Amino acid sequence: GAGLVPGDIHDSLGPSFAGLSKELDALVDYMESIEVPVDLLSGDSE
């Protein structure tokens, strides 16, 4: 893709991309909302 942040990108361990793009911030908001189901954490799931 052309990217969600304008301009060139840097090394992944370099400065943060946070705050440079509302679209990228929104994508991360969704990714952070993906949680481990409670059943898996409790060990009750099959």
All heavy atoms as atom14 arrays in JSON, in Angstrom:
{
  "sequence": "GAGLVPGDIHDSLGPSFAGLSKELDALVDYMESIEVPVDLLSGDSE",
  "atom14_mask": [
    [1, 1, 1, 1, 0, 0, 0, 0, 0, 0, 0, 0, 0, 0],
    [1, 1, 1, 1, 1, 0, 0, 0, 0, 0, 0, 0, 0, 0],
    [1, 1, 1, 1, 0, 0, 0, 0, 0, 0, 0, 0, 0, 0],
    [1, 1, 1, 1, 1, 1, 1, 1, 0, 0, 0, 0, 0, 0],
    [1, 1, 1, 1, 1, 1, 1, 0, 0, 0, 0, 0, 0, 0],
    [1, 1, 1, 1, 1, 1, 1, 0, 0, 0, 0, 0, 0, 0],
    [1, 1, 1, 1, 0, 0, 0, 0, 0, 0, 0, 0, 0, 0],
    [1, 1, 1, 1, 1, 1, 1, 1, 0, 0, 0, 0, 0, 0],
    [1, 1, 1, 1, 1, 1, 1, 1, 0, 0, 0, 0, 0, 0],
    [1, 1, 1, 1, 1, 1, 1, 1, 1, 1, 0, 0, 0, 0],
    [1, 1, 1, 1, 1, 1, 1, 1, 0, 0, 0, 0, 0, 0],
    [1, 1, 1, 1, 1, 1, 0, 0, 0, 0, 0, 0, 0, 0],
    [1, 1, 1, 1, 1, 1, 1, 1, 0, 0, 0, 0, 0, 0],
    [1, 1, 1, 1, 0, 0, 0, 0, 0, 0, 0, 0, 0, 0],
    [1, 1, 1, 1, 1, 1, 1, 0, 0, 0, 0, 0, 0, 0],
    [1, 1, 1, 1, 1, 1, 0, 0, 0, 0, 0, 0, 0, 0],
    [1, 1, 1, 1, 1, 1, 1, 1, 1, 1, 1, 0, 0, 0],
    [1, 1, 1, 1, 1, 0, 0, 0, 0, 0, 0, 0, 0, 0],
    [1, 1, 1, 1, 0, 0, 0, 0, 0, 0, 0, 0, 0, 0],
    [1, 1, 1, 1, 1, 1, 1, 1, 0, 0, 0, 0, 0, 0],
    [1, 1, 1, 1, 1, 1, 0, 0, 0, 0, 0, 0, 0, 0],
    [1, 1, 1, 1, 1, 1, 1, 1, 1, 0, 0, 0, 0, 0],
    [1, 1, 1, 1, 1, 1, 1, 1, 1, 0, 0, 0, 0, 0],
    [1, 1, 1, 1, 1, 1, 1, 1, 0, 0, 0, 0, 0, 0],
    [1, 1, 1, 1, 1, 1, 1, 1, 0, 0, 0, 0, 0, 0],
    [1, 1, 1, 1, 1, 0, 0, 0, 0, 0, 0, 0, 0, 0],
    [1, 1, 1, 1, 1, 1, 1, 1, 0, 0, 0, 0, 0, 0],
    [1, 1, 1, 1, 1, 1, 1, 0, 0, 0, 0, 0, 0, 0],
    [1, 1, 1, 1, 1, 1, 1, 1, 0, 0, 0, 0, 0, 0],
    [1, 1, 1, 1, 1, 1, 1, 1, 1, 1, 1, 1, 0, 0],
    [1, 1, 1, 1, 1, 1, 1, 1, 0, 0, 0, 0, 0, 0],
    [1, 1, 1, 1, 1, 1, 1, 1, 1, 0, 0, 0, 0, 0],
    [1, 1, 1, 1, 1, 1, 0, 0, 0, 0, 0, 0, 0, 0],
    [1, 1, 1, 1, 1, 1, 1, 1, 0, 0, 0, 0, 0, 0],
    [1, 1, 1, 1, 1, 1, 1, 1, 1, 0, 0, 0, 0, 0],
    [1, 1, 1, 1, 1, 1, 1, 0, 0, 0, 0, 0, 0, 0],
    [1, 1, 1, 1, 1, 1, 1, 0, 0, 0, 0, 0, 0, 0],
    [1, 1, 1, 1, 1, 1, 1, 0, 0, 0, 0, 0, 0, 0],
    [1, 1, 1, 1, 1, 1, 1, 1, 0, 0, 0, 0, 0, 0],
    [1, 1, 1, 1, 1, 1, 1, 1, 0, 0, 0, 0, 0, 0],
    [1, 1, 1, 1, 1, 1, 1, 1, 0, 0, 0, 0, 0, 0],
    [1, 1, 1, 1, 1, 1, 0, 0, 0, 0, 0, 0, 0, 0],
    [1, 1, 1, 1, 0, 0, 0, 0, 0, 0, 0, 0, 0, 0],
    [1, 1, 1, 1, 1, 1, 1, 1, 0, 0, 0, 0, 0, 0],
    [1, 1, 1, 1, 1, 1, 0, 0, 0, 0, 0, 0, 0, 0],
    [1, 1, 1, 1, 1, 1, 1, 1, 1, 0, 0, 0, 0, 0]
  ],
  "atom14_positions": [
    [[0.83, -1.19, 0.0], [0.0, 0.0, 0.0], [0.86, 1.25, 0.0], [2.07, 1.2, 0.29], [0.0, 0.0, 0.0], [0.0, 0.0, 0.0], [0.0, 0.0, 0.0], [0.0, 0.0, 0.0], [0.0, 0.0, 0.0], [0.0, 0.0, 0.0], [0.0, 0.0, 0.0], [0.0, 0.0, 0.0], [0.0, 0.0, 0.0], [0.0, 0.0, 0.0]],
    [[0.24, 2.38, -0.3], [0.96, 3.65, -0.3], [1.29, 4.1, 1.11], [2.2, 4.92, 1.31], [0.14, 4.72, -1.01], [0.0, 0.0, 0.0], [0.0, 0.0, 0.0], [0.0, 0.0, 0.0], [0.0, 0.0, 0.0], [0.0, 0.0, 0.0], [0.0, 0.0, 0.0], [0.0, 0.0, 0.0], [0.0, 0.0, 0.0], [0.0, 0.0, 0.0]],
    [[0.56, 3.57, 2.1], [0.84, 3.89, 3.49], [-0.17, 4.85, 4.08], [-0.83, 5.62, 3.37], [0.0, 0.0, 0.0], [0.0, 0.0, 0.0], [0.0, 0.0, 0.0], [0.0, 0.0, 0.0], [0.0, 0.0, 0.0], [0.0, 0.0, 0.0], [0.0, 0.0, 0.0], [0.0, 0.0, 0.0], [0.0, 0.0, 0.0], [0.0, 0.0, 0.0]],
    [[-0.28, 4.81, 5.39], [-1.19, 5.67, 6.12], [-0.5, 6.92, 6.65], [-1.15, 7.89, 7.05], [-1.83, 4.89, 7.28], [-2.65, 3.66, 6.85], [-3.03, 2.83, 8.07], [-3.88, 4.07, 6.08], [0.0, 0.0, 0.0], [0.0, 0.0, 0.0], [0.0, 0.0, 0.0], [0.0, 0.0, 0.0], [0.0, 0.0, 0.0], [0.0, 0.0, 0.0]],
    [[0.83, 6.89, 6.7], [1.63, 8.02, 7.17], [2.28, 8.68, 5.96], [2.83, 7.98, 5.1], [2.72, 7.54, 8.16], [3.68, 8.67, 8.5], [2.08, 6.98, 9.42], [0.0, 0.0, 0.0], [0.0, 0.0, 0.0], [0.0, 0.0, 0.0], [0.0, 0.0, 0.0], [0.0, 0.0, 0.0], [0.0, 0.0, 0.0], [0.0, 0.0, 0.0]],
    [[2.22, 10.01, 5.85], [2.86, 10.66, 4.7], [4.38, 10.59, 4.78], [4.96, 10.51, 5.86], [2.37, 12.12, 4.82], [2.02, 12.29, 6.26], [1.51, 10.95, 6.73], [0.0, 0.0, 0.0], [0.0, 0.0, 0.0], [0.0, 0.0, 0.0], [0.0, 0.0, 0.0], [0.0, 0.0, 0.0], [0.0, 0.0, 0.0], [0.0, 0.0, 0.0]],
    [[5.01, 10.6, 3.62], [6.47, 10.62, 3.57], [7.11, 9.26, 3.69], [6.44, 8.22, 3.65], [0.0, 0.0, 0.0], [0.0, 0.0, 0.0], [0.0, 0.0, 0.0], [0.0, 0.0, 0.0], [0.0, 0.0, 0.0], [0.0, 0.0, 0.0], [0.0, 0.0, 0.0], [0.0, 0.0, 0.0], [0.0, 0.0, 0.0], [0.0, 0.0, 0.0]],
    [[8.42, 9.25, 3.87], [9.18, 8.0, 3.98], [8.99, 7.4, 5.37], [8.68, 8.09, 6.34], [10.66, 8.26, 3.74], [10.94, 8.72, 2.31], [10.15, 8.35, 1.42], [11.92, 9.46, 2.11], [0.0, 0.0, 0.0], [0.0, 0.0, 0.0], [0.0, 0.0, 0.0], [0.0, 0.0, 0.0], [0.0, 0.0, 0.0], [0.0, 0.0, 0.0]],
    [[9.2, 6.09, 5.46], [9.13, 5.41, 6.76], [10.54, 5.13, 7.25], [11.5, 5.11, 6.47], [8.33, 4.11, 6.67], [8.9, 3.16, 5.61], [6.87, 4.4, 6.4], [8.24, 1.79, 5.62], [0.0, 0.0, 0.0], [0.0, 0.0, 0.0], [0.0, 0.0, 0.0], [0.0, 0.0, 0.0], [0.0, 0.0, 0.0], [0.0, 0.0, 0.0]],
    [[10.64, 4.93, 8.56], [11.94, 4.69, 9.16], [12.01, 3.26, 9.7], [11.04, 2.51, 9.63], [12.19, 5.7, 10.29], [11.07, 5.78, 11.28], [10.75, 4.76, 12.16], [10.19, 6.79, 11.54], [9.74, 5.11, 12.9], [9.36, 6.34, 12.56], [0.0, 0.0, 0.0], [0.0, 0.0, 0.0], [0.0, 0.0, 0.0], [0.0, 0.0, 0.0]],
    [[13.14, 2.89, 10.22], [13.32, 1.58, 10.84], [12.29, 1.36, 11.92], [11.91, 2.27, 12.65], [14.73, 1.48, 11.43], [14.98, 0.13, 12.07], [15.28, -0.81, 11.33], [14.82, 0.03, 13.29], [0.0, 0.0, 0.0], [0.0, 0.0, 0.0], [0.0, 0.0, 0.0], [0.0, 0.0, 0.0], [0.0, 0.0, 0.0], [0.0, 0.0, 0.0]],
    [[11.82, 0.12, 12.04], [10.73, -0.18, 12.97], [11.08, 0.11, 14.42], [10.2, 0.32, 15.25], [10.31, -1.65, 12.84], [11.4, -2.51, 13.12], [0.0, 0.0, 0.0], [0.0, 0.0, 0.0], [0.0, 0.0, 0.0], [0.0, 0.0, 0.0], [0.0, 0.0, 0.0], [0.0, 0.0, 0.0], [0.0, 0.0, 0.0], [0.0, 0.0, 0.0]],
    [[12.35, 0.1, 14.77], [12.75, 0.37, 16.16], [13.12, 1.84, 16.36], [13.62, 2.23, 17.41], [13.93, -0.52, 16.55], [13.66, -2.02, 16.47], [14.92, -2.8, 16.86], [12.5, -2.42, 17.36], [0.0, 0.0, 0.0], [0.0, 0.0, 0.0], [0.0, 0.0, 0.0], [0.0, 0.0, 0.0], [0.0, 0.0, 0.0], [0.0, 0.0, 0.0]],
    [[12.85, 2.67, 15.32], [13.15, 4.09, 15.41], [12.03, 4.87, 16.09], [11.27, 4.33, 16.9], [0.0, 0.0, 0.0], [0.0, 0.0, 0.0], [0.0, 0.0, 0.0], [0.0, 0.0, 0.0], [0.0, 0.0, 0.0], [0.0, 0.0, 0.0], [0.0, 0.0, 0.0], [0.0, 0.0, 0.0], [0.0, 0.0, 0.0], [0.0, 0.0, 0.0]],
    [[11.89, 6.16, 15.77], [10.87, 7.0, 16.41], [9.47, 6.45, 16.19], [9.2, 5.75, 15.22], [11.04, 8.36, 15.7], [12.42, 8.33, 15.14], [12.7, 6.91, 14.79], [0.0, 0.0, 0.0], [0.0, 0.0, 0.0], [0.0, 0.0, 0.0], [0.0, 0.0, 0.0], [0.0, 0.0, 0.0], [0.0, 0.0, 0.0], [0.0, 0.0, 0.0]],
    [[8.57, 6.81, 17.09], [7.21, 6.3, 17.03], [6.44, 6.88, 15.84], [6.63, 8.04, 15.47], [6.48, 6.63, 18.32], [5.12, 6.27, 18.23], [0.0, 0.0, 0.0], [0.0, 0.0, 0.0], [0.0, 0.0, 0.0], [0.0, 0.0, 0.0], [0.0, 0.0, 0.0], [0.0, 0.0, 0.0], [0.0, 0.0, 0.0], [0.0, 0.0, 0.0]],
    [[5.55, 6.05, 15.26], [4.64, 6.53, 14.23], [3.38, 7.11, 14.85], [2.54, 7.68, 14.14], [4.23, 5.37, 13.31], [5.31, 4.92, 12.37], [5.9, 3.68, 12.52], [5.71, 5.72, 11.31], [6.87, 3.24, 11.64], [6.68, 5.29, 10.42], [7.27, 4.05, 10.58], [0.0, 0.0, 0.0], [0.0, 0.0, 0.0], [0.0, 0.0, 0.0]],
    [[3.2, 6.95, 16.15], [1.96, 7.39, 16.8], [1.77, 8.89, 16.61], [2.7, 9.68, 16.73], [2.0, 7.05, 18.29], [0.0, 0.0, 0.0], [0.0, 0.0, 0.0], [0.0, 0.0, 0.0], [0.0, 0.0, 0.0], [0.0, 0.0, 0.0], [0.0, 0.0, 0.0], [0.0, 0.0, 0.0], [0.0, 0.0, 0.0], [0.0, 0.0, 0.0]],
    [[0.52, 9.27, 16.32], [0.19, 10.68, 16.18], [0.48, 11.27, 14.81], [0.15, 12.43, 14.56], [0.0, 0.0, 0.0], [0.0, 0.0, 0.0], [0.0, 0.0, 0.0], [0.0, 0.0, 0.0], [0.0, 0.0, 0.0], [0.0, 0.0, 0.0], [0.0, 0.0, 0.0], [0.0, 0.0, 0.0], [0.0, 0.0, 0.0], [0.0, 0.0, 0.0]],
    [[1.08, 10.5, 13.9], [1.41, 11.02, 12.58], [0.28, 10.86, 11.58], [0.3, 11.46, 10.52], [2.67, 10.33, 12.03], [3.95, 10.49, 12.86], [5.11, 9.79, 12.16], [4.26, 11.97, 13.07], [0.0, 0.0, 0.0], [0.0, 0.0, 0.0], [0.0, 0.0, 0.0], [0.0, 0.0, 0.0], [0.0, 0.0, 0.0], [0.0, 0.0, 0.0]],
    [[-0.72, 10.02, 11.92], [-1.83, 9.76, 11.01], [-3.04, 9.31, 11.81], [-2.95, 8.37, 12.61], [-1.43, 8.67, 10.01], [-2.57, 8.08, 9.41], [0.0, 0.0, 0.0], [0.0, 0.0, 0.0], [0.0, 0.0, 0.0], [0.0, 0.0, 0.0], [0.0, 0.0, 0.0], [0.0, 0.0, 0.0], [0.0, 0.0, 0.0], [0.0, 0.0, 0.0]],
    [[-4.17, 9.99, 11.6], [-5.39, 9.58, 12.29], [-5.83, 8.18, 11.86], [-6.35, 7.41, 12.67], [-6.51, 10.59, 12.01], [-6.33, 11.94, 12.68], [-7.52, 12.85, 12.41], [-7.33, 14.19, 13.12], [-8.49, 15.1, 12.86], [0.0, 0.0, 0.0], [0.0, 0.0, 0.0], [0.0, 0.0, 0.0], [0.0, 0.0, 0.0], [0.0, 0.0, 0.0]],
    [[-5.58, 7.86, 10.59], [-5.95, 6.53, 10.09], [-5.11, 5.44, 10.75], [-5.63, 4.4, 11.16], [-5.8, 6.48, 8.56], [-6.8, 7.29, 7.78], [-6.48, 8.78, 7.78], [-5.33, 9.14, 8.15], [-7.37, 9.57, 7.41], [0.0, 0.0, 0.0], [0.0, 0.0, 0.0], [0.0, 0.0, 0.0], [0.0, 0.0, 0.0], [0.0, 0.0, 0.0]],
    [[-3.8, 5.66, 10.86], [-2.94, 4.67, 11.5], [-3.27, 4.56, 12.99], [-3.31, 3.45, 13.54], [-1.47, 5.03, 11.31], [-0.45, 4.06, 11.9], [-0.64, 2.65, 11.35], [0.98, 4.55, 11.65], [0.0, 0.0, 0.0], [0.0, 0.0, 0.0], [0.0, 0.0, 0.0], [0.0, 0.0, 0.0], [0.0, 0.0, 0.0], [0.0, 0.0, 0.0]],
    [[-3.52, 5.69, 13.65], [-3.92, 5.65, 15.06], [-5.21, 4.85, 15.24], [-5.36, 4.08, 16.19], [-4.11, 7.07, 15.6], [-2.79, 7.83, 15.74], [-1.73, 7.19, 15.7], [-2.85, 9.07, 15.88], [0.0, 0.0, 0.0], [0.0, 0.0, 0.0], [0.0, 0.0, 0.0], [0.0, 0.0, 0.0], [0.0, 0.0, 0.0], [0.0, 0.0, 0.0]],
    [[-6.15, 5.02, 14.29], [-7.42, 4.29, 14.37], [-7.2, 2.8, 14.18], [-7.79, 1.97, 14.88], [-8.4, 4.83, 13.32], [0.0, 0.0, 0.0], [0.0, 0.0, 0.0], [0.0, 0.0, 0.0], [0.0, 0.0, 0.0], [0.0, 0.0, 0.0], [0.0, 0.0, 0.0], [0.0, 0.0, 0.0], [0.0, 0.0, 0.0], [0.0, 0.0, 0.0]],
    [[-6.34, 2.44, 13.23], [-6.03, 1.02, 13.0], [-5.44, 0.39, 14.26], [-5.81, -0.72, 14.65], [-5.06, 0.89, 11.83], [-4.56, -0.52, 11.48], [-5.71, -1.47, 11.21], [-3.59, -0.47, 10.3], [0.0, 0.0, 0.0], [0.0, 0.0, 0.0], [0.0, 0.0, 0.0], [0.0, 0.0, 0.0], [0.0, 0.0, 0.0], [0.0, 0.0, 0.0]],
    [[-4.55, 1.11, 14.92], [-3.95, 0.6, 16.16], [-5.0, 0.51, 17.27], [-5.0, -0.43, 18.06], [-2.76, 1.48, 16.58], [-2.27, 1.1, 17.98], [-1.62, 1.32, 15.57], [0.0, 0.0, 0.0], [0.0, 0.0, 0.0], [0.0, 0.0, 0.0], [0.0, 0.0, 0.0], [0.0, 0.0, 0.0], [0.0, 0.0, 0.0], [0.0, 0.0, 0.0]],
    [[-5.93, 1.46, 17.32], [-7.02, 1.38, 18.3], [-7.77, 0.07, 18.15], [-8.1, -0.6, 19.15], [-8.0, 2.55, 18.12], [-7.46, 3.85, 18.7], [-6.45, 3.81, 19.43], [-8.05, 4.91, 18.4], [0.0, 0.0, 0.0], [0.0, 0.0, 0.0], [0.0, 0.0, 0.0], [0.0, 0.0, 0.0], [0.0, 0.0, 0.0], [0.0, 0.0, 0.0]],
    [[-8.05, -0.3, 16.9], [-8.76, -1.56, 16.69], [-7.89, -2.75, 17.07], [-8.35, -3.69, 17.75], [-9.22, -1.7, 15.23], [-9.78, -3.08, 14.98], [-10.96, -3.49, 15.6], [-9.11, -3.99, 14.17], [-11.45, -4.78, 15.41], [-9.6, -5.27, 13.98], [-10.77, -5.66, 14.6], [-11.25, -6.94, 14.43], [0.0, 0.0, 0.0], [0.0, 0.0, 0.0]],
    [[-6.63, -2.74, 16.66], [-5.75, -3.87, 16.97], [-5.61, -4.05, 18.49], [-5.57, -5.18, 18.98], [-4.38, -3.67, 16.32], [-4.42, -3.74, 14.8], [-2.83, -3.33, 14.02], [-1.82, -4.67, 14.59], [0.0, 0.0, 0.0], [0.0, 0.0, 0.0], [0.0, 0.0, 0.0], [0.0, 0.0, 0.0], [0.0, 0.0, 0.0], [0.0, 0.0, 0.0]],
    [[-5.56, -2.94, 19.23], [-5.45, -3.04, 20.69], [-6.74, -3.55, 21.32], [-6.72, -4.02, 22.46], [-5.08, -1.68, 21.26], [-3.63, -1.27, 20.98], [-3.27, 0.07, 21.57], [-4.19, 0.89, 21.8], [-2.06, 0.31, 21.81], [0.0, 0.0, 0.0], [0.0, 0.0, 0.0], [0.0, 0.0, 0.0], [0.0, 0.0, 0.0], [0.0, 0.0, 0.0]],
    [[-7.85, -3.47, 20.59], [-9.13, -3.94, 21.13], [-9.3, -5.45, 20.98], [-10.24, -6.03, 21.54], [-10.29, -3.23, 20.43], [-10.51, -3.74, 19.12], [0.0, 0.0, 0.0], [0.0, 0.0, 0.0], [0.0, 0.0, 0.0], [0.0, 0.0, 0.0], [0.0, 0.0, 0.0], [0.0, 0.0, 0.0], [0.0, 0.0, 0.0], [0.0, 0.0, 0.0]],
    [[-8.42, -6.09, 20.22], [-8.52, -7.54, 19.98], [-7.95, -8.26, 21.2], [-6.73, -8.33, 21.38], [-7.78, -7.95, 18.7], [-8.32, -7.18, 17.5], [-7.91, -9.45, 18.46], [-7.49, -7.33, 16.24], [0.0, 0.0, 0.0], [0.0, 0.0, 0.0], [0.0, 0.0, 0.0], [0.0, 0.0, 0.0], [0.0, 0.0, 0.0], [0.0, 0.0, 0.0]],
    [[-8.83, -8.77, 22.02], [-8.4, -9.36, 23.29], [-8.46, -10.89, 23.25], [-9.15, -11.48, 22.42], [-9.29, -8.85, 24.42], [-9.23, -7.33, 24.61], [-10.16, -6.86, 25.7], [-11.03, -7.66, 26.14], [-10.03, -5.7, 26.13], [0.0, 0.0, 0.0], [0.0, 0.0, 0.0], [0.0, 0.0, 0.0], [0.0, 0.0, 0.0], [0.0, 0.0, 0.0]],
    [[-7.73, -11.51, 24.14], [-7.81, -12.95, 24.31], [-9.14, -13.27, 24.99], [-9.47, -12.66, 26.02], [-6.65, -13.48, 25.18], [-6.77, -14.98, 25.37], [-5.32, -13.12, 24.55], [0.0, 0.0, 0.0], [0.0, 0.0, 0.0], [0.0, 0.0, 0.0], [0.0, 0.0, 0.0], [0.0, 0.0, 0.0], [0.0, 0.0, 0.0], [0.0, 0.0, 0.0]],
    [[-9.98, -14.18, 24.44], [-11.26, -14.51, 25.07], [-11.07, -14.97, 26.51], [-10.08, -15.65, 26.84], [-11.8, -15.65, 24.2], [-11.14, -15.45, 22.87], [-9.78, -14.9, 23.18], [0.0, 0.0, 0.0], [0.0, 0.0, 0.0], [0.0, 0.0, 0.0], [0.0, 0.0, 0.0], [0.0, 0.0, 0.0], [0.0, 0.0, 0.0], [0.0, 0.0, 0.0]],
    [[-12.01, -14.6, 27.36], [-11.94, -14.95, 28.77], [-11.85, -16.46, 28.96], [-11.12, -16.96, 29.81], [-13.16, -14.39, 29.52], [-13.18, -14.87, 30.97], [-13.16, -12.87, 29.47], [0.0, 0.0, 0.0], [0.0, 0.0, 0.0], [0.0, 0.0, 0.0], [0.0, 0.0, 0.0], [0.0, 0.0, 0.0], [0.0, 0.0, 0.0], [0.0, 0.0, 0.0]],
    [[-12.58, -17.21, 28.11], [-12.56, -18.68, 28.24], [-11.15, -19.24, 28.07], [-10.75, -20.19, 28.73], [-13.42, -19.37, 27.18], [-14.6, -18.56, 26.72], [-14.42, -17.35, 26.59], [-15.64, -19.15, 26.5], [0.0, 0.0, 0.0], [0.0, 0.0, 0.0], [0.0, 0.0, 0.0], [0.0, 0.0, 0.0], [0.0, 0.0, 0.0], [0.0, 0.0, 0.0]],
    [[-10.38, -18.62, 27.15], [-9.03, -19.12, 26.91], [-8.12, -18.79, 28.08], [-7.24, -19.56, 28.46], [-8.47, -18.52, 25.61], [-9.2, -18.91, 24.32], [-8.49, -18.3, 23.12], [-9.3, -20.42, 24.17], [0.0, 0.0, 0.0], [0.0, 0.0, 0.0], [0.0, 0.0, 0.0], [0.0, 0.0, 0.0], [0.0, 0.0, 0.0], [0.0, 0.0, 0.0]],
    [[-8.33, -17.6, 28.66], [-7.51, -17.22, 29.8], [-7.79, -18.1, 31.01], [-6.89, -18.42, 31.79], [-7.78, -15.75, 30.17], [-7.28, -14.7, 29.15], [-7.8, -13.33, 29.54], [-5.77, -14.7, 29.08], [0.0, 0.0, 0.0], [0.0, 0.0, 0.0], [0.0, 0.0, 0.0], [0.0, 0.0, 0.0], [0.0, 0.0, 0.0], [0.0, 0.0, 0.0]],
    [[-9.05, -18.52, 31.17], [-9.41, -19.33, 32.32], [-9.1, -20.8, 32.14], [-9.1, -21.57, 33.09], [-10.92, -19.19, 32.59], [-11.67, -19.75, 31.53], [0.0, 0.0, 0.0], [0.0, 0.0, 0.0], [0.0, 0.0, 0.0], [0.0, 0.0, 0.0], [0.0, 0.0, 0.0], [0.0, 0.0, 0.0], [0.0, 0.0, 0.0], [0.0, 0.0, 0.0]],
    [[-8.87, -21.17, 30.85], [-8.58, -22.57, 30.58], [-9.81, -23.44, 30.49], [-9.73, -24.66, 30.39], [0.0, 0.0, 0.0], [0.0, 0.0, 0.0], [0.0, 0.0, 0.0], [0.0, 0.0, 0.0], [0.0, 0.0, 0.0], [0.0, 0.0, 0.0], [0.0, 0.0, 0.0], [0.0, 0.0, 0.0], [0.0, 0.0, 0.0], [0.0, 0.0, 0.0]],
    [[-11.02, -22.82, 30.45], [-12.25, -23.6, 30.42], [-12.68, -23.95, 29.01], [-13.56, -24.76, 28.8], [-13.4, -22.81, 31.07], [-13.17, -22.61, 32.56], [-12.45, -23.45, 33.13], [-13.71, -21.66, 33.13], [0.0, 0.0, 0.0], [0.0, 0.0, 0.0], [0.0, 0.0, 0.0], [0.0, 0.0, 0.0], [0.0, 0.0, 0.0], [0.0, 0.0, 0.0]],
    [[-12.07, -23.31, 28.0], [-12.51, -23.52, 26.63], [-12.02, -24.85, 26.08], [-10.97, -25.35, 26.43], [-11.99, -22.39, 25.76], [-12.18, -22.69, 24.4], [0.0, 0.0, 0.0], [0.0, 0.0, 0.0], [0.0, 0.0, 0.0], [0.0, 0.0, 0.0], [0.0, 0.0, 0.0], [0.0, 0.0, 0.0], [0.0, 0.0, 0.0], [0.0, 0.0, 0.0]],
    [[-12.82, -25.4, 25.13], [-12.42, -26.59, 24.4], [-11.94, -26.22, 23.0], [-11.85, -27.07, 22.13], [-13.62, -27.55, 24.27], [-14.16, -28.04, 25.6], [-15.41, -28.88, 25.4], [-15.5, -29.59, 24.38], [-16.3, -28.83, 26.24], [0.0, 0.0, 0.0], [0.0, 0.0, 0.0], [0.0, 0.0, 0.0], [0.0, 0.0, 0.0], [0.0, 0.0, 0.0]]
  ]
}
